[in-house]
Amino acid sequence: MPNKIISCHNCGSISNIIKNGRNSKGKQRYLCKNCNKSFIENTSPLKYLKISEYTFKKFIGYMIDDTTMEVIPVNLELDIKTIHYYRFIVFKSIENIQDSIKLNGSILIDETFIPIREKKYKILRHDNKETRGLSYNQLCIITMIDLSGNSVAKATNRAMALPIHYLENFIDNIGVVNEFIHDGNLRATQFMNYFKVDKVNGRKDETGMYSIDLIDHYHGNLKRYLFKHIGYRLKNVQHYLNFFVYRQNYLKSAEIFNMRDQNKVKNQMVNDLFEIVKNSKKQVRYVDYLKDEGIKNILVSVK
């Protein structure tokens, strides 16, 4: 028996797994006595997909272009359920992409909100009517962006974010910060105080040197992106945010002066994302896609 827990790629069993020699490339093979199937640990999530590298790259290109999930299956001549599964594979490969992002220099910080419309997650008053104003039926997304264009965006809680939400989600994203530019949010200020740097209220600055227009524009792009995918399940919103942040940061790091440059950068992004997926250590089975709970823990919490 191996010392670490190994799960069968065919039936998902973690018992009755034994070593079963090595393949031609020297990789360890395992045999599942539960289903009598052999497999190799940590193969690419693309390894057993019945799709060519060329087709999967086309699929990634469609994702980058925000092509709707109704159009992609027609263009690639694939079932829509398969397309949803492929998208989930991409999402899982960049699931932790924001963990390594460091923001430096002047950092803009703000919140934006999206409505919680799914009936099973909505909170109603005793008279069975919706609560009014900024209530627990709003999902809070905290965003931060520095002046070089690097950004992070994370769904943190229902309603207004508390200082603990900033600390738990963003403490590792702050690099060498010189100052924070904000909109006067007191809860965010408690997080900024942790770093002992200048804090500037961009909405009240009269010098003209500071503004939060950049992050307002970022929120506009983010909401337009989510609107293009209207009908998505709210529990998956962090997957969408991760993809949005990856794409935004990649484009901001490239120099684009014309359409030719834009197409070149897009092709580079397709290849980069394909390599990330290809080299991912995660085995993403279809059952994993069906059972993924996303941010359900946030949606069912009212604290």
Protein backbone atom coordinates (compact mmCIF):
# COMPACT_ATOMS: atom_id res chain seq x y z
CA MET A 1 0.00 0.00 0.00
CA PRO A 2 1.29 3.52 -0.76
CA ASN A 3 1.89 5.78 2.23
CA LYS A 4 -0.22 8.63 0.86
CA ILE A 5 -3.90 8.47 -0.02
CA ILE A 6 -4.45 7.60 -3.67
CA SER A 7 -7.90 7.63 -5.26
CA CYS A 8 -8.86 5.56 -8.27
CA HIS A 9 -9.49 7.72 -11.35
CA ASN A 10 -12.18 5.32 -12.53
CA CYS A 11 -14.35 4.61 -9.47
CA GLY A 12 -12.98 7.09 -6.91
CA SER A 13 -12.13 4.38 -4.36
CA ILE A 14 -9.32 5.09 -1.89
CA SER A 15 -9.18 1.54 -0.50
CA ASN A 16 -7.63 -1.56 -2.07
CA ILE A 17 -5.14 0.50 -4.11
CA ILE A 18 -1.79 -1.21 -4.71
CA LYS A 19 1.34 -0.34 -6.68
CA ASN A 20 1.38 -1.96 -10.10
CA GLY A 21 4.78 -1.38 -11.69
CA ARG A 22 5.73 1.61 -13.85
CA ASN A 23 4.85 2.78 -17.32
CA SER A 24 7.30 3.26 -20.21
CA LYS A 25 8.22 6.72 -18.88
CA GLY A 26 9.00 5.40 -15.40
CA LYS A 27 5.88 6.79 -13.73
CA GLN A 28 4.32 4.74 -10.92
CA ARG A 29 1.21 2.82 -11.86
CA TYR A 30 -1.49 1.77 -9.41
CA LEU A 31 -4.12 -0.97 -9.52
CA CYS A 32 -7.55 -0.57 -7.97
CA LYS A 33 -8.80 -3.95 -6.73
CA ASN A 34 -12.26 -2.45 -6.35
CA CYS A 35 -12.81 -1.99 -10.12
CA ASN A 36 -9.72 -3.83 -11.37
CA LYS A 37 -8.52 -0.77 -13.33
CA SER A 38 -4.95 0.53 -13.40
CA PHE A 39 -4.02 4.21 -13.50
CA ILE A 40 -1.16 6.70 -13.09
CA GLU A 41 -1.22 9.31 -10.37
CA ASN A 42 -1.03 13.03 -11.16
CA THR A 43 -1.55 12.82 -14.90
CA SER A 44 -2.80 15.94 -16.66
CA PRO A 45 -6.56 16.54 -16.41
CA LEU A 46 -6.51 16.56 -20.22
CA LYS A 47 -4.92 13.11 -20.42
CA TYR A 48 -8.08 11.10 -20.89
CA LEU A 49 -10.28 13.65 -22.63
CA LYS A 50 -11.39 12.67 -26.11
CA ILE A 51 -10.38 16.00 -27.59
CA SER A 52 -7.33 17.21 -29.50
CA GLU A 53 -4.92 19.84 -28.20
CA TYR A 54 -5.97 22.09 -31.08
CA THR A 55 -9.66 21.84 -30.20
CA PHE A 56 -9.08 22.46 -26.49
CA LYS A 57 -7.03 25.56 -27.34
CA LYS A 58 -9.92 26.77 -29.51
CA PHE A 59 -12.19 26.24 -26.53
CA ILE A 60 -9.88 28.32 -24.32
CA GLY A 61 -9.90 31.03 -26.97
CA TYR A 62 -13.69 31.10 -26.86
CA MET A 63 -13.55 31.45 -23.07
CA ILE A 64 -11.16 34.38 -23.35
CA ASP A 65 -13.52 36.01 -25.87
CA ASP A 66 -16.52 35.52 -23.54
CA THR A 67 -18.32 33.44 -26.16
CA THR A 68 -21.60 32.16 -24.70
CA MET A 69 -21.95 28.56 -23.62
CA GLU A 70 -24.74 28.11 -26.16
CA VAL A 71 -22.50 29.08 -29.09
CA ILE A 72 -19.32 27.17 -28.16
CA PRO A 73 -20.86 23.65 -28.44
CA VAL A 74 -22.16 24.49 -31.92
CA ASN A 75 -18.80 25.81 -33.09
CA LEU A 76 -16.85 22.87 -31.67
CA GLU A 77 -19.54 20.27 -32.43
CA LEU A 78 -19.57 19.08 -28.82
CA ASP A 79 -22.30 18.44 -26.28
CA ILE A 80 -23.07 21.41 -24.00
CA LYS A 81 -22.56 19.23 -20.90
CA THR A 82 -19.08 18.40 -22.16
CA ILE A 83 -18.35 22.10 -22.69
CA HIS A 84 -19.44 22.89 -19.13
CA TYR A 85 -17.12 20.16 -17.88
CA TYR A 86 -14.18 21.48 -19.94
CA ARG A 87 -14.79 24.97 -18.55
CA PHE A 88 -14.73 23.54 -15.04
CA ILE A 89 -11.35 21.91 -15.78
CA VAL A 90 -9.99 25.33 -16.76
CA PHE A 91 -11.53 26.93 -13.68
CA LYS A 92 -9.99 24.33 -11.35
CA SER A 93 -6.55 24.73 -12.93
CA ILE A 94 -6.50 28.43 -11.92
CA GLU A 95 -8.42 27.99 -8.68
CA ASN A 96 -5.50 29.31 -6.61
CA ILE A 97 -4.19 31.78 -9.18
CA GLN A 98 -4.90 34.79 -6.95
CA ASP A 99 -2.89 33.40 -4.04
CA SER A 100 0.40 34.36 -5.71
CA ILE A 101 -0.62 37.88 -6.83
CA LYS A 102 1.24 40.69 -5.06
CA LEU A 103 0.03 44.29 -5.22
CA ASN A 104 2.62 47.03 -4.78
CA GLY A 105 2.93 50.82 -4.58
CA SER A 106 -0.35 52.71 -4.53
CA ILE A 107 -3.24 50.29 -4.04
CA LEU A 108 -6.89 51.13 -4.66
CA ILE A 109 -9.36 49.22 -2.52
CA ASP A 110 -13.14 49.02 -2.77
CA GLU A 111 -16.20 46.76 -2.68
CA THR A 112 -18.87 45.98 -5.24
CA PHE A 113 -22.04 43.94 -4.88
CA ILE A 114 -24.08 41.53 -6.97
CA PRO A 115 -27.62 40.45 -6.11
CA ILE A 116 -28.35 37.00 -4.69
CA ARG A 117 -31.29 36.02 -6.89
CA GLU A 118 -31.27 32.24 -6.53
CA LYS A 119 -34.31 31.36 -4.44
CA LYS A 120 -32.58 28.77 -2.26
CA TYR A 121 -30.05 31.36 -1.06
CA LYS A 122 -32.38 34.35 -0.61
CA ILE A 123 -33.38 35.58 2.82
CA LEU A 124 -36.96 36.79 3.20
CA ARG A 125 -38.73 38.78 5.90
CA HIS A 126 -41.32 37.17 8.12
CA ASP A 127 -44.04 38.35 5.71
CA ASN A 128 -42.27 36.42 2.92
CA LYS A 129 -41.13 39.61 1.19
CA GLU A 130 -37.59 40.62 0.29
CA THR A 131 -35.56 42.78 2.63
CA ARG A 132 -34.88 46.30 1.41
CA GLY A 133 -31.66 48.21 0.81
CA LEU A 134 -28.19 46.69 1.00
CA SER A 135 -29.17 43.47 2.71
CA TYR A 136 -27.93 39.96 3.13
CA ASN A 137 -29.34 39.33 -0.34
CA GLN A 138 -26.27 41.02 -1.80
CA LEU A 139 -22.95 39.21 -2.34
CA CYS A 140 -19.92 41.34 -1.50
CA ILE A 141 -16.92 41.25 -3.83
CA ILE A 142 -13.82 43.02 -2.53
CA THR A 143 -11.43 44.26 -5.20
CA MET A 144 -7.94 45.72 -5.06
CA ILE A 145 -5.79 47.04 -7.88
CA ASP A 146 -2.41 48.74 -8.03
CA LEU A 147 -1.31 51.38 -10.53
CA SER A 148 0.51 48.83 -12.69
CA GLY A 149 -2.83 47.11 -13.31
CA ASN A 150 -2.38 44.02 -11.13
CA SER A 151 -5.63 43.16 -9.41
CA VAL A 152 -7.47 40.72 -7.15
CA ALA A 153 -11.21 40.15 -6.77
CA LYS A 154 -12.77 37.80 -4.25
CA ALA A 155 -16.32 37.05 -3.08
CA THR A 156 -16.06 37.30 0.69
CA ASN A 157 -19.49 37.37 2.34
CA ARG A 158 -23.10 38.48 2.20
CA ALA A 159 -23.84 42.19 2.69
CA MET A 160 -21.10 44.55 3.92
CA ALA A 161 -17.64 43.08 4.45
CA LEU A 162 -16.14 43.14 7.93
CA PRO A 163 -12.45 43.81 8.70
CA ILE A 164 -11.90 40.08 9.25
CA HIS A 165 -12.99 39.41 5.66
CA TYR A 166 -10.24 41.70 4.38
CA LEU A 167 -7.62 40.10 6.61
CA GLU A 168 -8.60 36.51 5.83
CA ASN A 169 -8.70 37.00 2.09
CA PHE A 170 -6.11 39.64 1.18
CA ILE A 171 -3.29 39.81 3.71
CA ASP A 172 -1.02 37.70 1.46
CA ASN A 173 -1.78 39.80 -1.62
CA ILE A 174 -0.20 42.96 -0.24
CA GLY A 175 3.42 43.37 -1.29
CA VAL A 176 5.37 46.61 -0.78
CA VAL A 177 2.58 49.12 -0.32
CA ASN A 178 3.20 52.87 -0.25
CA GLU A 179 -0.36 54.06 0.23
CA PHE A 180 -3.98 52.99 0.01
CA ILE A 181 -6.59 54.91 -1.97
CA HIS A 182 -10.13 54.19 -0.78
CA ASP A 183 -13.68 55.56 -0.68
CA GLY A 184 -13.99 56.09 3.07
CA ASN A 185 -15.17 52.63 4.06
CA LEU A 186 -14.40 52.34 7.79
CA ARG A 187 -14.17 48.54 7.73
CA ALA A 188 -11.61 48.68 4.96
CA THR A 189 -9.74 51.35 6.94
CA GLN A 190 -9.23 48.90 9.81
CA PHE A 191 -7.55 46.55 7.35
CA MET A 192 -5.39 49.35 5.91
CA ASN A 193 -4.28 50.39 9.41
CA TYR A 194 -2.54 47.03 9.67
CA PHE A 195 0.13 48.26 7.22
CA LYS A 196 0.97 51.64 8.81
CA VAL A 197 0.98 53.56 5.51
CA ASP A 198 -0.84 56.63 4.21
CA LYS A 199 -4.54 56.31 3.45
CA VAL A 200 -6.23 58.70 1.03
CA ASN A 201 -9.98 59.06 0.57
CA GLY A 202 -10.19 59.32 -3.21
CA ARG A 203 -13.78 60.58 -3.14
CA LYS A 204 -12.93 63.56 -0.92
CA ASP A 205 -9.49 64.45 -2.30
CA GLU A 206 -9.52 68.04 -3.50
CA THR A 207 -5.98 68.15 -4.86
CA GLY A 208 -6.86 66.21 -8.00
CA MET A 209 -3.93 63.89 -7.40
CA TYR A 210 -6.02 60.94 -6.25
CA SER A 211 -9.08 59.28 -7.69
CA ILE A 212 -10.86 55.95 -7.46
CA ASP A 213 -11.97 56.13 -11.09
CA LEU A 214 -9.62 53.25 -11.96
CA ILE A 215 -11.30 50.82 -9.59
CA ASP A 216 -14.78 52.08 -10.55
CA HIS A 217 -13.88 51.29 -14.17
CA TYR A 218 -12.62 47.88 -13.04
CA HIS A 219 -15.96 47.18 -11.37
CA GLY A 220 -17.73 48.17 -14.57
CA ASN A 221 -15.67 45.68 -16.59
CA LEU A 222 -16.25 42.99 -13.95
CA LYS A 223 -20.02 43.40 -13.97
CA ARG A 224 -20.14 43.45 -17.77
CA TYR A 225 -18.15 40.22 -17.77
CA LEU A 226 -20.56 38.56 -15.33
CA PHE A 227 -23.55 39.87 -17.29
CA LYS A 228 -22.24 38.11 -20.43
CA HIS A 229 -22.49 34.87 -18.46
CA ILE A 230 -25.93 35.59 -17.06
CA GLY A 231 -27.55 32.41 -15.87
CA TYR A 232 -24.41 31.13 -14.14
CA ARG A 233 -24.87 29.49 -10.77
CA LEU A 234 -23.98 31.88 -8.00
CA LYS A 235 -21.95 29.24 -6.17
CA ASN A 236 -19.54 29.34 -9.13
CA VAL A 237 -18.97 33.09 -9.03
CA GLN A 238 -15.45 32.81 -7.55
CA HIS A 239 -14.45 30.58 -10.46
CA TYR A 240 -15.55 33.35 -12.81
CA LEU A 241 -13.73 35.97 -10.75
CA ASN A 242 -10.50 33.97 -10.88
CA PHE A 243 -10.74 33.76 -14.67
CA PHE A 244 -11.54 37.47 -14.96
CA VAL A 245 -8.55 38.40 -12.78
CA TYR A 246 -6.24 36.08 -14.73
CA ARG A 247 -7.31 37.62 -18.04
CA GLN A 248 -7.20 41.22 -16.79
CA ASN A 249 -3.75 40.85 -15.27
CA TYR A 250 -2.39 39.06 -18.33
CA LEU A 251 -3.63 41.79 -20.66
CA LYS A 252 -2.33 44.56 -18.40
CA SER A 253 1.14 42.98 -18.39
CA ALA A 254 1.29 43.05 -22.21
CA GLU A 255 1.87 46.01 -24.50
CA ILE A 256 -1.03 46.32 -26.93
CA PHE A 257 -1.00 49.13 -29.47
CA ASN A 258 -3.14 47.75 -32.28
CA MET A 259 -5.35 44.84 -33.35
CA ARG A 260 -2.33 42.83 -34.47
CA ASP A 261 -0.80 43.10 -30.99
CA GLN A 262 -4.15 42.19 -29.44
CA ASN A 263 -4.43 38.99 -31.49
CA LYS A 264 -0.82 38.09 -30.71
CA VAL A 265 -1.35 38.55 -26.97
CA LYS A 266 -4.57 36.54 -27.09
CA ASN A 267 -2.76 33.63 -28.76
CA GLN A 268 -0.04 33.85 -26.12
CA MET A 269 -2.69 33.78 -23.41
CA VAL A 270 -4.34 30.73 -24.96
CA ASN A 271 -1.00 28.89 -24.96
CA ASP A 272 -0.19 30.03 -21.42
CA LEU A 273 -3.54 28.91 -20.04
CA PHE A 274 -3.35 25.63 -21.93
CA GLU A 275 0.03 24.90 -20.31
CA ILE A 276 -1.40 25.74 -16.89
CA VAL A 277 -4.24 23.28 -17.45
CA LYS A 278 -1.97 20.66 -18.97
CA ASN A 279 0.51 20.79 -16.09
CA SER A 280 -2.11 20.94 -13.36
CA LYS A 281 -1.72 18.22 -10.75
CA LYS A 282 -5.44 18.08 -10.07
CA GLN A 283 -7.52 15.20 -11.36
CA VAL A 284 -10.86 16.71 -12.30
CA ARG A 285 -13.44 14.03 -12.90
CA TYR A 286 -16.92 14.74 -14.19
CA VAL A 287 -18.30 13.79 -10.79
CA ASP A 288 -16.06 16.47 -9.24
CA TYR A 289 -17.69 19.01 -11.53
CA LEU A 290 -21.17 17.86 -10.52
CA LYS A 291 -20.39 17.91 -6.78
CA ASP A 292 -18.37 21.15 -6.64
CA GLU A 293 -19.92 23.49 -4.07
CA GLY A 294 -17.95 26.63 -4.92
CA ILE A 295 -18.79 29.42 -2.45
CA LYS A 296 -21.88 27.70 -1.10
CA ASN A 297 -20.48 28.08 2.43
CA ILE A 298 -20.72 31.87 2.02
CA LEU A 299 -24.17 31.78 0.46
CA VAL A 300 -25.70 29.71 3.25
CA SER A 301 -24.11 31.84 5.99
CA VAL A 302 -25.84 34.91 7.39
CA LYS A 303 -23.23 35.94 9.95
